Amino acid sequence: MVTDLFTVLEQKLEMVLGQTARLKEANASLAQTLAEKDQALKEAEAALEKLSQEREVIRHRVDKILNRLKIIDTGESA
């Protein structure tokens, strides 16, 4: 009878250890996925920042061209 209790206890311990090992593997996998997603996010943020800077440069150039055209138009009207 006592040996039966030890057998049950050993089985439960093996089950818990197995679950712990699986959870550690899942945790490591999730940590890896999180690191990859974090890297992808940083790359996307950098690309977005670059696009924003390019857009700002283009906006300034277009404003400059429009102002020059306005000066030309004003000069012709006078």
PDB file of N, CA and C in Angstrom:
ATOM      1  N   MET A   1       0.824  -1.192   0.000  1.00  0.00           N
ATOM      2  CA  MET A   1       0.000   0.000   0.000  1.00  0.00           C
ATOM      3  C   MET A   1       0.867   1.253   0.000  1.00  0.00           C
ATOM      4  N   VAL A   2       1.886   1.279   0.816  1.00  0.00           N
ATOM      5  CA  VAL A   2       2.783   2.439   0.855  1.00  0.00           C
ATOM      6  C   VAL A   2       3.505   2.584  -0.473  1.00  0.00           C
ATOM      7  N   THR A   3       3.886   1.458  -1.050  1.00  0.00           N
ATOM      8  CA  THR A   3       4.556   1.509  -2.348  1.00  0.00           C
ATOM      9  C   THR A   3       3.630   2.055  -3.430  1.00  0.00           C
ATOM     10  N   ASP A   4       2.356   1.776  -3.314  1.00  0.00           N
ATOM     11  CA  ASP A   4       1.392   2.325  -4.270  1.00  0.00           C
ATOM     12  C   ASP A   4       1.337   3.849  -4.160  1.00  0.00           C
ATOM     13  N   LEU A   5       1.389   4.349  -2.943  1.00  0.00           N
ATOM     14  CA  LEU A   5       1.383   5.802  -2.738  1.00  0.00           C
ATOM     15  C   LEU A   5       2.641   6.439  -3.338  1.00  0.00           C
ATOM     16  N   PHE A   6       3.776   5.767  -3.123  1.00  0.00           N
ATOM     17  CA  PHE A   6       5.020   6.281  -3.709  1.00  0.00           C
ATOM     18  C   PHE A   6       4.958   6.252  -5.233  1.00  0.00           C
ATOM     19  N   THR A   7       4.368   5.235  -5.782  1.00  0.00           N
ATOM     20  CA  THR A   7       4.232   5.126  -7.235  1.00  0.00           C
ATOM     21  C   THR A   7       3.375   6.262  -7.772  1.00  0.00           C
ATOM     22  N   VAL A   8       2.267   6.515  -7.117  1.00  0.00           N
ATOM     23  CA  VAL A   8       1.382   7.607  -7.525  1.00  0.00           C
ATOM     24  C   VAL A   8       2.109   8.939  -7.391  1.00  0.00           C
ATOM     25  N   LEU A   9       2.825   9.113  -6.290  1.00  0.00           N
ATOM     26  CA  LEU A   9       3.578  10.351  -6.073  1.00  0.00           C
ATOM     27  C   LEU A   9       4.642  10.532  -7.146  1.00  0.00           C
ATOM     28  N   GLU A  10       5.355   9.457  -7.488  1.00  0.00           N
ATOM     29  CA  GLU A  10       6.378   9.531  -8.540  1.00  0.00           C
ATOM     30  C   GLU A  10       5.756   9.869  -9.887  1.00  0.00           C
ATOM     31  N   GLN A  11       4.606   9.303 -10.168  1.00  0.00           N
ATOM     32  CA  GLN A  11       3.927   9.587 -11.433  1.00  0.00           C
ATOM     33  C   GLN A  11       3.508  11.055 -11.515  1.00  0.00           C
ATOM     34  N   LYS A  12       2.986  11.544 -10.412  1.00  0.00           N
ATOM     35  CA  LYS A  12       2.569  12.949 -10.383  1.00  0.00           C
ATOM     36  C   LYS A  12       3.780  13.869 -10.500  1.00  0.00           C
ATOM     37  N   LEU A  13       4.874  13.489  -9.844  1.00  0.00           N
ATOM     38  CA  LEU A  13       6.093  14.282  -9.927  1.00  0.00           C
ATOM     39  C   LEU A  13       6.621  14.305 -11.360  1.00  0.00           C
ATOM     40  N   GLU A  14       6.602  13.161 -12.029  1.00  0.00           N
ATOM     41  CA  GLU A  14       7.041  13.089 -13.426  1.00  0.00           C
ATOM     42  C   GLU A  14       6.150  13.962 -14.313  1.00  0.00           C
ATOM     43  N   MET A  15       4.858  13.948 -14.040  1.00  0.00           N
ATOM     44  CA  MET A  15       3.922  14.762 -14.809  1.00  0.00           C
ATOM     45  C   MET A  15       4.232  16.251 -14.617  1.00  0.00           C
ATOM     46  N   VAL A  16       4.447  16.648 -13.383  1.00  0.00           N
ATOM     47  CA  VAL A  16       4.760  18.049 -13.090  1.00  0.00           C
ATOM     48  C   VAL A  16       6.085  18.447 -13.728  1.00  0.00           C
ATOM     49  N   LEU A  17       7.089  17.585 -13.647  1.00  0.00           N
ATOM     50  CA  LEU A  17       8.383  17.888 -14.258  1.00  0.00           C
ATOM     51  C   LEU A  17       8.266  17.983 -15.776  1.00  0.00           C
ATOM     52  N   GLY A  18       7.465  17.118 -16.352  1.00  0.00           N
ATOM     53  CA  GLY A  18       7.223  17.171 -17.803  1.00  0.00           C
ATOM     54  C   GLY A  18       6.542  18.469 -18.207  1.00  0.00           C
ATOM     55  N   GLN A  19       5.541  18.865 -17.447  1.00  0.00           N
ATOM     56  CA  GLN A  19       4.844  20.119 -17.723  1.00  0.00           C
ATOM     57  C   GLN A  19       5.795  21.303 -17.571  1.00  0.00           C
ATOM     58  N   THR A  20       6.629  21.259 -16.555  1.00  0.00           N
ATOM     59  CA  THR A  20       7.599  22.333 -16.334  1.00  0.00           C
ATOM     60  C   THR A  20       8.560  22.444 -17.511  1.00  0.00           C
ATOM     61  N   ALA A  21       9.037  21.320 -17.994  1.00  0.00           N
ATOM     62  CA  ALA A  21       9.950  21.325 -19.139  1.00  0.00           C
ATOM     63  C   ALA A  21       9.257  21.880 -20.385  1.00  0.00           C
ATOM     64  N   ARG A  22       8.017  21.467 -20.618  1.00  0.00           N
ATOM     65  CA  ARG A  22       7.272  21.974 -21.773  1.00  0.00           C
ATOM     66  C   ARG A  22       7.018  23.468 -21.654  1.00  0.00           C
ATOM     67  N   LEU A  23       6.696  23.913 -20.460  1.00  0.00           N
ATOM     68  CA  LEU A  23       6.456  25.343 -20.247  1.00  0.00           C
ATOM     69  C   LEU A  23       7.731  26.158 -20.442  1.00  0.00           C
ATOM     70  N   LYS A  24       8.864  25.606 -20.017  1.00  0.00           N
ATOM     71  CA  LYS A  24      10.137  26.302 -20.232  1.00  0.00           C
ATOM     72  C   LYS A  24      10.445  26.416 -21.720  1.00  0.00           C
ATOM     73  N   GLU A  25      10.187  25.354 -22.463  1.00  0.00           N
ATOM     74  CA  GLU A  25      10.394  25.389 -23.917  1.00  0.00           C
ATOM     75  C   GLU A  25       9.465  26.403 -24.575  1.00  0.00           C
ATOM     76  N   ALA A  26       8.208  26.395 -24.160  1.00  0.00           N
ATOM     77  CA  ALA A  26       7.238  27.340 -24.722  1.00  0.00           C
ATOM     78  C   ALA A  26       7.641  28.766 -24.377  1.00  0.00           C
ATOM     79  N   ASN A  27       8.120  28.971 -23.167  1.00  0.00           N
ATOM     80  CA  ASN A  27       8.549  30.294 -22.737  1.00  0.00           C
ATOM     81  C   ASN A  27       9.739  30.768 -23.566  1.00  0.00           C
ATOM     82  N   ALA A  28      10.694  29.885 -23.803  1.00  0.00           N
ATOM     83  CA  ALA A  28      11.866  30.232 -24.611  1.00  0.00           C
ATOM     84  C   ALA A  28      11.434  30.566 -26.040  1.00  0.00           C
ATOM     85  N   SER A  29      10.515  29.800 -26.574  1.00  0.00           N
ATOM     86  CA  SER A  29      10.010  30.057 -27.919  1.00  0.00           C
ATOM     87  C   SER A  29       9.299  31.405 -27.986  1.00  0.00           C
ATOM     88  N   LEU A  30       8.487  31.692 -26.991  1.00  0.00           N
ATOM     89  CA  LEU A  30       7.791  32.975 -26.946  1.00  0.00           C
ATOM     90  C   LEU A  30       8.773  34.132 -26.792  1.00  0.00           C
ATOM     91  N   ALA A  31       9.806  33.946 -26.002  1.00  0.00           N
ATOM     92  CA  ALA A  31      10.819  34.988 -25.836  1.00  0.00           C
ATOM     93  C   ALA A  31      11.530  35.261 -27.159  1.00  0.00           C
ATOM     94  N   GLN A  32      11.820  34.201 -27.904  1.00  0.00           N
ATOM     95  CA  GLN A  32      12.456  34.348 -29.216  1.00  0.00           C
ATOM     96  C   GLN A  32      11.525  35.089 -30.176  1.00  0.00           C
ATOM     97  N   THR A  33      10.265  34.704 -30.187  1.00  0.00           N
ATOM     98  CA  THR A  33       9.283  35.365 -31.048  1.00  0.00           C
ATOM     99  C   THR A  33       9.156  36.838 -30.682  1.00  0.00           C
ATOM    100  N   LEU A  34       9.127  37.114 -29.389  1.00  0.00           N
ATOM    101  CA  LEU A  34       9.035  38.499 -28.925  1.00  0.00           C
ATOM    102  C   LEU A  34      10.246  39.301 -29.372  1.00  0.00           C
ATOM    103  N   ALA A  35      11.433  38.730 -29.272  1.00  0.00           N
ATOM    104  CA  ALA A  35      12.648  39.421 -29.701  1.00  0.00           C
ATOM    105  C   ALA A  35      12.603  39.705 -31.200  1.00  0.00           C
ATOM    106  N   GLU A  36      12.122  38.747 -31.983  1.00  0.00           N
ATOM    107  CA  GLU A  36      12.010  38.942 -33.434  1.00  0.00           C
ATOM    108  C   GLU A  36      10.999  40.035 -33.758  1.00  0.00           C
ATOM    109  N   LYS A  37       9.865  40.018 -33.077  1.00  0.00           N
ATOM    110  CA  LYS A  37       8.847  41.046 -33.305  1.00  0.00           C
ATOM    111  C   LYS A  37       9.358  42.418 -32.886  1.00  0.00           C
ATOM    112  N   ASP A  38      10.095  42.460 -31.790  1.00  0.00           N
ATOM    113  CA  ASP A  38      10.669  43.722 -31.320  1.00  0.00           C
ATOM    114  C   ASP A  38      11.645  44.278 -32.353  1.00  0.00           C
ATOM    115  N   GLN A  39      12.467  43.409 -32.921  1.00  0.00           N
ATOM    116  CA  GLN A  39      13.414  43.828 -33.958  1.00  0.00           C
ATOM    117  C   GLN A  39      12.661  44.322 -35.193  1.00  0.00           C
ATOM    118  N   ALA A  40      11.626  43.616 -35.583  1.00  0.00           N
ATOM    119  CA  ALA A  40      10.827  44.029 -36.742  1.00  0.00           C
ATOM    120  C   ALA A  40      10.167  45.382 -36.488  1.00  0.00           C
ATOM    121  N   LEU A  41       9.706  45.587 -35.265  1.00  0.00           N
ATOM    122  CA  LEU A  41       9.091  46.863 -34.907  1.00  0.00           C
ATOM    123  C   LEU A  41      10.108  47.992 -34.988  1.00  0.00           C
ATOM    124  N   LYS A  42      11.311  47.758 -34.488  1.00  0.00           N
ATOM    125  CA  LYS A  42      12.357  48.780 -34.557  1.00  0.00           C
ATOM    126  C   LYS A  42      12.692  49.117 -36.001  1.00  0.00           C
ATOM    127  N   GLU A  43      12.758  48.098 -36.851  1.00  0.00           N
ATOM    128  CA  GLU A  43      13.041  48.329 -38.266  1.00  0.00           C
ATOM    129  C   GLU A  43      11.913  49.113 -38.925  1.00  0.00           C
ATOM    130  N   ALA A  44      10.676  48.782 -38.589  1.00  0.00           N
ATOM    131  CA  ALA A  44       9.526  49.493 -39.151  1.00  0.00           C
ATOM    132  C   ALA A  44       9.505  50.946 -38.676  1.00  0.00           C
ATOM    133  N   GLU A  45       9.828  51.175 -37.415  1.00  0.00           N
ATOM    134  CA  GLU A  45       9.879  52.537 -36.892  1.00  0.00           C
ATOM    135  C   GLU A  45      10.974  53.347 -37.586  1.00  0.00           C
ATOM    136  N   ALA A  46      12.121  52.720 -37.829  1.00  0.00           N
ATOM    137  CA  ALA A  46      13.215  53.398 -38.521  1.00  0.00           C
ATOM    138  C   ALA A  46      12.799  53.739 -39.955  1.00  0.00           C
ATOM    139  N   ALA A  47      12.126  52.811 -40.628  1.00  0.00           N
ATOM    140  CA  ALA A  47      11.660  53.060 -41.999  1.00  0.00           C
ATOM    141  C   ALA A  47      10.630  54.185 -42.014  1.00  0.00           C
ATOM    142  N   LEU A  48       9.740  54.181 -41.042  1.00  0.00           N
ATOM    143  CA  LEU A  48       8.732  55.226 -40.949  1.00  0.00           C
ATOM    144  C   LEU A  48       9.380  56.584 -40.710  1.00  0.00           C
ATOM    145  N   GLU A  49      10.371  56.629 -39.850  1.00  0.00           N
ATOM    146  CA  GLU A  49      11.087  57.879 -39.578  1.00  0.00           C
ATOM    147  C   GLU A  49      11.775  58.382 -40.846  1.00  0.00           C
ATOM    148  N   LYS A  50      12.380  57.476 -41.591  1.00  0.00           N
ATOM    149  CA  LYS A  50      13.048  57.855 -42.839  1.00  0.00           C
ATOM    150  C   LYS A  50      12.033  58.417 -43.836  1.00  0.00           C
ATOM    151  N   LEU A  51      10.886  57.743 -43.957  1.00  0.00           N
ATOM    152  CA  LEU A  51       9.846  58.231 -44.858  1.00  0.00           C
ATOM    153  C   LEU A  51       9.322  59.596 -44.424  1.00  0.00           C
ATOM    154  N   SER A  52       9.178  59.799 -43.140  1.00  0.00           N
ATOM    155  CA  SER A  52       8.709  61.095 -42.624  1.00  0.00           C
ATOM    156  C   SER A  52       9.707  62.195 -42.949  1.00  0.00           C
ATOM    157  N   GLN A  53      10.982  61.899 -42.796  1.00  0.00           N
ATOM    158  CA  GLN A  53      12.014  62.888 -43.124  1.00  0.00           C
ATOM    159  C   GLN A  53      12.005  63.190 -44.621  1.00  0.00           C
ATOM    160  N   GLU A  54      11.891  62.152 -45.446  1.00  0.00           N
ATOM    161  CA  GLU A  54      11.840  62.363 -46.891  1.00  0.00           C
ATOM    162  C   GLU A  54      10.614  63.189 -47.277  1.00  0.00           C
ATOM    163  N   ARG A  55       9.494  62.911 -46.662  1.00  0.00           N
ATOM    164  CA  ARG A  55       8.267  63.660 -46.934  1.00  0.00           C
ATOM    165  C   ARG A  55       8.440  65.133 -46.563  1.00  0.00           C
ATOM    166  N   GLU A  56       9.109  65.376 -45.460  1.00  0.00           N
ATOM    167  CA  GLU A  56       9.337  66.753 -45.026  1.00  0.00           C
ATOM    168  C   GLU A  56      10.245  67.493 -46.008  1.00  0.00           C
ATOM    169  N   VAL A  57      11.273  66.811 -46.505  1.00  0.00           N
ATOM    170  CA  VAL A  57      12.168  67.416 -47.493  1.00  0.00           C
ATOM    171  C   VAL A  57      11.391  67.748 -48.765  1.00  0.00           C
ATOM    172  N   ILE A  58      10.571  66.812 -49.199  1.00  0.00           N
ATOM    173  CA  ILE A  58       9.769  67.038 -50.406  1.00  0.00           C
ATOM    174  C   ILE A  58       8.793  68.188 -50.201  1.00  0.00           C
ATOM    175  N   ARG A  59       8.198  68.247 -49.036  1.00  0.00           N
ATOM    176  CA  ARG A  59       7.256  69.328 -48.739  1.00  0.00           C
ATOM    177  C   ARG A  59       7.949  70.685 -48.831  1.00  0.00           C
ATOM    178  N   HIS A  60       9.151  70.782 -48.279  1.00  0.00           N
ATOM    179  CA  HIS A  60       9.895  72.046 -48.333  1.00  0.00           C
ATOM    180  C   HIS A  60      10.245  72.406 -49.778  1.00  0.00           C
ATOM    181  N   ARG A  61      10.627  71.409 -50.550  1.00  0.00           N
ATOM    182  CA  ARG A  61      10.965  71.675 -51.956  1.00  0.00           C
ATOM    183  C   ARG A  61       9.742  72.141 -52.741  1.00  0.00           C
ATOM    184  N   VAL A  62       8.596  71.495 -52.512  1.00  0.00           N
ATOM    185  CA  VAL A  62       7.363  71.897 -53.192  1.00  0.00           C
ATOM    186  C   VAL A  62       6.967  73.304 -52.770  1.00  0.00           C
ATOM    187  N   ASP A  63       7.059  73.613 -51.491  1.00  0.00           N
ATOM    188  CA  ASP A  63       6.754  74.977 -51.023  1.00  0.00           C
ATOM    189  C   ASP A  63       7.669  76.000 -51.684  1.00  0.00           C
ATOM    190  N   LYS A  64       8.926  75.660 -51.786  1.00  0.00           N
ATOM    191  CA  LYS A  64       9.899  76.566 -52.408  1.00  0.00           C
ATOM    192  C   LYS A  64       9.540  76.794 -53.877  1.00  0.00           C
ATOM    193  N   ILE A  65       9.187  75.724 -54.592  1.00  0.00           N
ATOM    194  CA  ILE A  65       8.792  75.846 -55.999  1.00  0.00           C
ATOM    195  C   ILE A  65       7.521  76.672 -56.127  1.00  0.00           C
ATOM    196  N   LEU A  66       6.539  76.431 -55.262  1.00  0.00           N
ATOM    197  CA  LEU A  66       5.288  77.183 -55.304  1.00  0.00           C
ATOM    198  C   LEU A  66       5.532  78.663 -55.039  1.00  0.00           C
ATOM    199  N   ASN A  67       6.416  78.951 -54.092  1.00  0.00           N
ATOM    200  CA  ASN A  67       6.728  80.353 -53.803  1.00  0.00           C
ATOM    201  C   ASN A  67       7.400  81.012 -55.005  1.00  0.00           C
ATOM    202  N   ARG A  68       8.288  80.291 -55.665  1.00  0.00           N
ATOM    203  CA  ARG A  68       8.945  80.840 -56.855  1.00  0.00           C
ATOM    204  C   ARG A  68       7.923  81.076 -57.965  1.00  0.00           C
ATOM    205  N   LEU A  69       6.982  80.146 -58.123  1.00  0.00           N
ATOM    206  CA  LEU A  69       5.935  80.330 -59.127  1.00  0.00           C
ATOM    207  C   LEU A  69       5.037  81.516 -58.774  1.00  0.00           C
ATOM    208  N   LYS A  70       4.767  81.705 -57.500  1.00  0.00           N
ATOM    209  CA  LYS A  70       3.962  82.826 -57.044  1.00  0.00           C
ATOM    210  C   LYS A  70       4.654  84.148 -57.376  1.00  0.00           C
ATOM    211  N   ILE A  71       5.976  84.174 -57.192  1.00  0.00           N
ATOM    212  CA  ILE A  71       6.751  85.382 -57.512  1.00  0.00           C
ATOM    213  C   ILE A  71       6.689  85.642 -59.021  1.00  0.00           C
ATOM    214  N   ILE A  72       6.826  84.598 -59.812  1.00  0.00           N
ATOM    215  CA  ILE A  72       6.761  84.743 -61.269  1.00  0.00           C
ATOM    216  C   ILE A  72       5.370  85.242 -61.668  1.00  0.00           C
ATOM    217  N   ASP A  73       4.318  84.647 -61.090  1.00  0.00           N
ATOM    218  CA  ASP A  73       2.961  85.037 -61.408  1.00  0.00           C
ATOM    219  C   ASP A  73       2.704  86.471 -60.998  1.00  0.00           C
ATOM    220  N   THR A  74       3.182  86.884 -59.846  1.00  0.00           N
ATOM    221  CA  THR A  74       3.013  88.255 -59.366  1.00  0.00           C
ATOM    222  C   THR A  74       3.765  89.213 -60.260  1.00  0.00           C
ATOM    223  N   GLY A  75       4.928  88.841 -60.704  1.00  0.00           N
ATOM    224  CA  GLY A  75       5.722  89.701 -61.585  1.00  0.00           C
ATOM    225  C   GLY A  75       5.047  89.912 -62.926  1.00  0.00           C
ATOM    226  N   GLU A  76       4.400  88.905 -63.448  1.00  0.00           N
ATOM    227  CA  GLU A  76       3.720  89.026 -64.736  1.00  0.00           C
ATOM    228  C   GLU A  76       2.442  89.843 -64.631  1.00  0.00           C
ATOM    229  N   SER A  77       1.805  89.801 -63.480  1.00  0.00           N
ATOM    230  CA  SER A  77       0.543  90.506 -63.293  1.00  0.00           C
ATOM    231  C   SER A  77       0.762  92.008 -63.179  1.00  0.00           C
ATOM    232  N   ALA A  78       1.911  92.391 -62.696  1.00  0.00           N
ATOM    233  CA  ALA A  78       2.159  93.809 -62.440  1.00  0.00           C
ATOM    234  C   ALA A  78       2.371  94.631 -63.652  1.00  0.00           C
TER     235      ALA A  78
END
